[in-house]
Amino acid sequence: ATTFVSSHFRGDERDVLDYLDRKGFQYRVTGTEINVKQCPFCPPHKNRLDNMWKVYFNRLTTLYFCHRCGHKGSLFDFKRQLEDGTGSTASFVESIAPRTPRVPDVGAVESYSKALDSFPDVLHYLVQKRGLSVEVLRKYGVGAAMFQFCDEKGQWKEHLCVTFPWIEMDQDGGSQRTIRIKA
C-alpha cells in the first residue's frame, strides 16, 4: 500500500536531498530528476554498473521509481518503508528508534465533521456518487474543510477537502487512540 498524496501537493526537492544525505545514499541531480545510485528495495546489486543508478526521484513531485525492481511511490512511502524495515536497508539505514504516532487534534476533527453539512456538494458526492450513508459518515467522523495547497507556480490556494480522521474515541468520548484502516 502506498501513501495517498494529493495531486495538489508539490514536494520540495530539498526534502529528498536532505533525506538522502542523512541516510548516506549516493545520488546525482540531473535535469528534472534526482538519480540514486543504489535502490534499497532491489535484490543485491553486486556492484555491477548495469544494476546501479536506476532510482529516479522527480524534483517537483518527489515521487520516485526504480527502473530495476519497479518499486515506486512518494517520498513518504520511501521513508516509511525504510524506517519500518520493510526494505533491505541494512547497509543504508541506521536503526531508528520507534516513534509515537502523532494524534490529530480532537477539536479540529470534530469541527471538520460538523462542517460537512456546510458543504452540500461534498455531502451529495459522498452520499449519491460514492454510496455512503449519512450514518456511516457521522459514525466515522468524515468531514470537510478548506485547506491551502501550493500549486506548480508556488502560489498557495484554498481547496475544499474531505477529511477522514485516523482516531477513534472510546465509548465515553474521553480517550482516543490512533487507528489505521486498510481498504
Protein backbone atom coordinates (compact mmCIF):
# COMPACT_ATOMS: atom_id res chain seq x y z
CA ALA A 1 0.00 0.00 0.00
CA THR A 2 1.22 3.47 -0.79
CA THR A 3 0.61 6.73 0.98
CA PHE A 4 -2.08 8.87 -0.65
CA VAL A 5 -0.56 12.12 -1.85
CA SER A 6 -2.95 14.78 -3.16
CA SER A 7 -2.44 15.89 -6.74
CA HIS A 8 -2.27 19.42 -5.31
CA PHE A 9 0.79 18.54 -3.23
CA ARG A 10 4.13 19.70 -4.56
CA GLY A 11 7.14 18.31 -2.81
CA ASP A 12 10.34 20.11 -2.12
CA GLU A 13 13.44 18.60 -3.65
CA ARG A 14 15.39 19.77 -0.60
CA ASP A 15 13.40 17.23 1.45
CA VAL A 16 14.61 14.46 -0.86
CA LEU A 17 18.21 15.69 -0.86
CA ASP A 18 18.28 16.16 2.94
CA TYR A 19 16.85 12.67 3.48
CA LEU A 20 19.28 11.03 1.05
CA ASP A 21 22.21 12.87 2.68
CA ARG A 22 21.08 11.88 6.19
CA LYS A 23 20.80 8.22 5.18
CA GLY A 24 24.10 8.14 3.30
CA PHE A 25 22.75 7.49 -0.19
CA GLN A 26 24.87 8.49 -3.17
CA TYR A 27 22.94 10.50 -5.76
CA ARG A 28 23.27 12.98 -8.58
CA VAL A 29 20.95 15.76 -9.66
CA THR A 30 20.18 15.82 -13.38
CA GLY A 31 17.60 17.99 -15.11
CA THR A 32 14.23 17.34 -13.53
CA GLU A 33 15.37 14.29 -11.55
CA ILE A 34 17.44 13.14 -8.61
CA ASN A 35 19.13 9.86 -9.53
CA VAL A 36 20.08 7.48 -6.67
CA LYS A 37 22.99 5.07 -7.10
CA GLN A 38 21.52 2.02 -5.36
CA CYS A 39 17.90 1.09 -4.66
CA PRO A 40 17.46 -0.21 -1.11
CA PHE A 41 14.50 -2.33 -2.24
CA CYS A 42 16.27 -4.18 -5.08
CA PRO A 43 17.86 -7.61 -4.79
CA PRO A 44 21.65 -7.46 -4.29
CA HIS A 45 23.38 -5.13 -6.76
CA LYS A 46 26.73 -6.97 -6.70
CA ASN A 47 28.30 -3.59 -7.57
CA ARG A 48 27.54 -4.15 -11.25
CA LEU A 49 27.27 -0.87 -13.11
CA ASP A 50 24.18 -2.01 -15.01
CA ASN A 51 22.40 -2.53 -11.65
CA MET A 52 23.12 0.99 -10.40
CA TRP A 53 21.61 4.44 -10.94
CA LYS A 54 18.12 3.03 -11.55
CA VAL A 55 16.13 5.02 -8.92
CA TYR A 56 14.76 8.38 -10.03
CA PHE A 57 13.01 11.00 -7.85
CA ASN A 58 11.05 13.70 -9.66
CA ARG A 59 12.36 17.02 -8.31
CA LEU A 60 8.94 18.73 -8.43
CA THR A 61 6.61 15.99 -7.14
CA THR A 62 9.19 14.00 -5.07
CA LEU A 63 7.70 10.78 -6.49
CA TYR A 64 10.23 8.01 -7.17
CA PHE A 65 10.53 4.96 -9.41
CA CYS A 66 13.18 2.23 -9.64
CA HIS A 67 13.66 1.02 -13.21
CA ARG A 68 15.29 -2.18 -11.92
CA CYS A 69 12.82 -3.59 -9.38
CA GLY A 70 9.78 -1.41 -10.17
CA HIS A 71 9.47 -0.03 -6.64
CA LYS A 72 7.66 3.31 -6.74
CA GLY A 73 5.77 5.83 -4.63
CA SER A 74 6.11 9.14 -2.87
CA LEU A 75 8.97 10.34 -0.69
CA PHE A 76 6.65 9.49 2.23
CA ASP A 77 6.47 5.86 1.02
CA PHE A 78 10.23 5.68 0.55
CA LYS A 79 10.85 6.92 4.10
CA ARG A 80 8.15 4.75 5.65
CA GLN A 81 9.38 1.57 4.04
CA LEU A 82 12.98 2.21 5.01
CA GLU A 83 12.11 3.20 8.57
CA ASP A 84 9.64 0.32 9.07
CA GLY A 85 12.32 -2.10 7.96
CA THR A 86 10.36 -3.46 5.01
CA GLY A 87 13.16 -2.63 2.60
CA SER A 88 16.56 -4.34 2.51
CA THR A 89 18.25 -1.43 4.19
CA ALA A 90 20.93 -2.95 6.41
CA SER A 91 23.78 -1.25 4.56
CA PHE A 92 21.88 2.01 4.03
CA VAL A 93 19.98 2.99 7.14
CA GLU A 94 20.99 3.28 10.75
CA SER A 95 18.47 1.90 13.20
CA ILE A 96 15.72 4.30 14.10
CA ALA A 97 14.01 4.40 17.49
CA PRO A 98 10.28 3.73 17.33
CA ARG A 99 8.22 6.90 17.32
CA THR A 100 4.89 7.59 18.94
CA PRO A 101 2.31 8.31 16.26
CA ARG A 102 1.04 11.86 16.15
CA VAL A 103 -2.63 12.06 17.11
CA PRO A 104 -4.78 14.69 15.39
CA ASP A 105 -6.37 17.49 17.40
CA VAL A 106 -9.77 16.19 18.52
CA GLY A 107 -11.31 19.66 18.35
CA ALA A 108 -10.24 20.09 14.73
CA VAL A 109 -11.52 16.62 13.80
CA GLU A 110 -14.89 17.33 15.39
CA SER A 111 -15.16 20.73 13.68
CA TYR A 112 -14.48 19.16 10.25
CA SER A 113 -17.13 16.52 10.89
CA LYS A 114 -19.69 19.12 11.98
CA ALA A 115 -18.84 21.29 8.95
CA LEU A 116 -19.78 18.54 6.50
CA ASP A 117 -23.36 19.86 6.39
CA SER A 118 -22.00 23.27 5.36
CA PHE A 119 -20.69 21.77 2.13
CA PRO A 120 -23.76 20.33 0.35
CA ASP A 121 -21.78 19.48 -2.80
CA VAL A 122 -19.41 17.29 -0.77
CA LEU A 123 -22.25 15.64 1.11
CA HIS A 124 -24.10 14.98 -2.16
CA TYR A 125 -20.94 13.49 -3.71
CA LEU A 126 -20.27 11.17 -0.76
CA VAL A 127 -23.88 10.00 -0.46
CA GLN A 128 -25.07 9.95 -4.09
CA LYS A 129 -21.90 9.22 -6.05
CA ARG A 130 -19.88 7.19 -3.53
CA GLY A 131 -22.85 5.42 -1.98
CA LEU A 132 -22.04 6.18 1.67
CA SER A 133 -24.90 6.74 4.08
CA VAL A 134 -25.03 9.82 6.28
CA GLU A 135 -24.96 7.48 9.30
CA VAL A 136 -21.66 5.95 8.17
CA LEU A 137 -20.18 9.40 7.53
CA ARG A 138 -21.17 10.50 11.06
CA LYS A 139 -20.00 7.28 12.70
CA TYR A 140 -16.50 7.57 11.24
CA GLY A 141 -16.20 11.35 11.67
CA VAL A 142 -15.88 12.11 7.95
CA GLY A 143 -15.87 15.86 7.44
CA ALA A 144 -14.98 18.67 5.09
CA ALA A 145 -12.80 21.74 5.35
CA MET A 146 -10.87 24.23 3.28
CA PHE A 147 -7.09 23.72 3.23
CA GLN A 148 -4.32 25.53 1.39
CA PHE A 149 -2.01 23.78 -1.06
CA CYS A 150 0.86 25.11 -3.10
CA ASP A 151 0.39 24.98 -6.88
CA GLU A 152 3.02 24.46 -9.59
CA LYS A 153 3.86 28.18 -9.55
CA GLY A 154 4.46 28.25 -5.80
CA GLN A 155 1.19 30.05 -5.07
CA TRP A 156 -0.92 28.93 -2.12
CA LYS A 157 -4.57 28.31 -3.00
CA GLU A 158 -7.52 27.10 -0.96
CA HIS A 159 -9.12 23.78 -1.88
CA LEU A 160 -12.14 22.01 -0.46
CA CYS A 161 -11.09 18.69 1.07
CA VAL A 162 -12.87 15.70 2.57
CA THR A 163 -11.35 14.67 5.91
CA PHE A 164 -11.02 11.13 7.25
CA PRO A 165 -9.66 11.11 10.81
CA TRP A 166 -7.36 8.33 11.99
CA ILE A 167 -8.59 8.46 15.56
CA GLU A 168 -11.28 6.64 17.46
CA MET A 169 -12.99 7.81 20.62
CA ASP A 170 -13.88 5.40 23.42
CA GLN A 171 -17.50 4.83 24.47
CA ASP A 172 -17.40 7.76 26.91
CA GLY A 173 -15.80 10.09 24.36
CA GLY A 174 -12.93 10.61 26.76
CA SER A 175 -9.82 8.94 25.42
CA GLN A 176 -8.64 8.42 21.90
CA ARG A 177 -6.35 6.08 20.07
CA THR A 178 -4.83 6.21 16.63
CA ILE A 179 -6.31 3.75 14.16
CA ARG A 180 -5.42 2.82 10.64
CA ILE A 181 -7.88 1.25 8.29
CA LYS A 182 -6.68 -0.61 5.21
CA ALA A 183 -9.12 -0.72 2.35
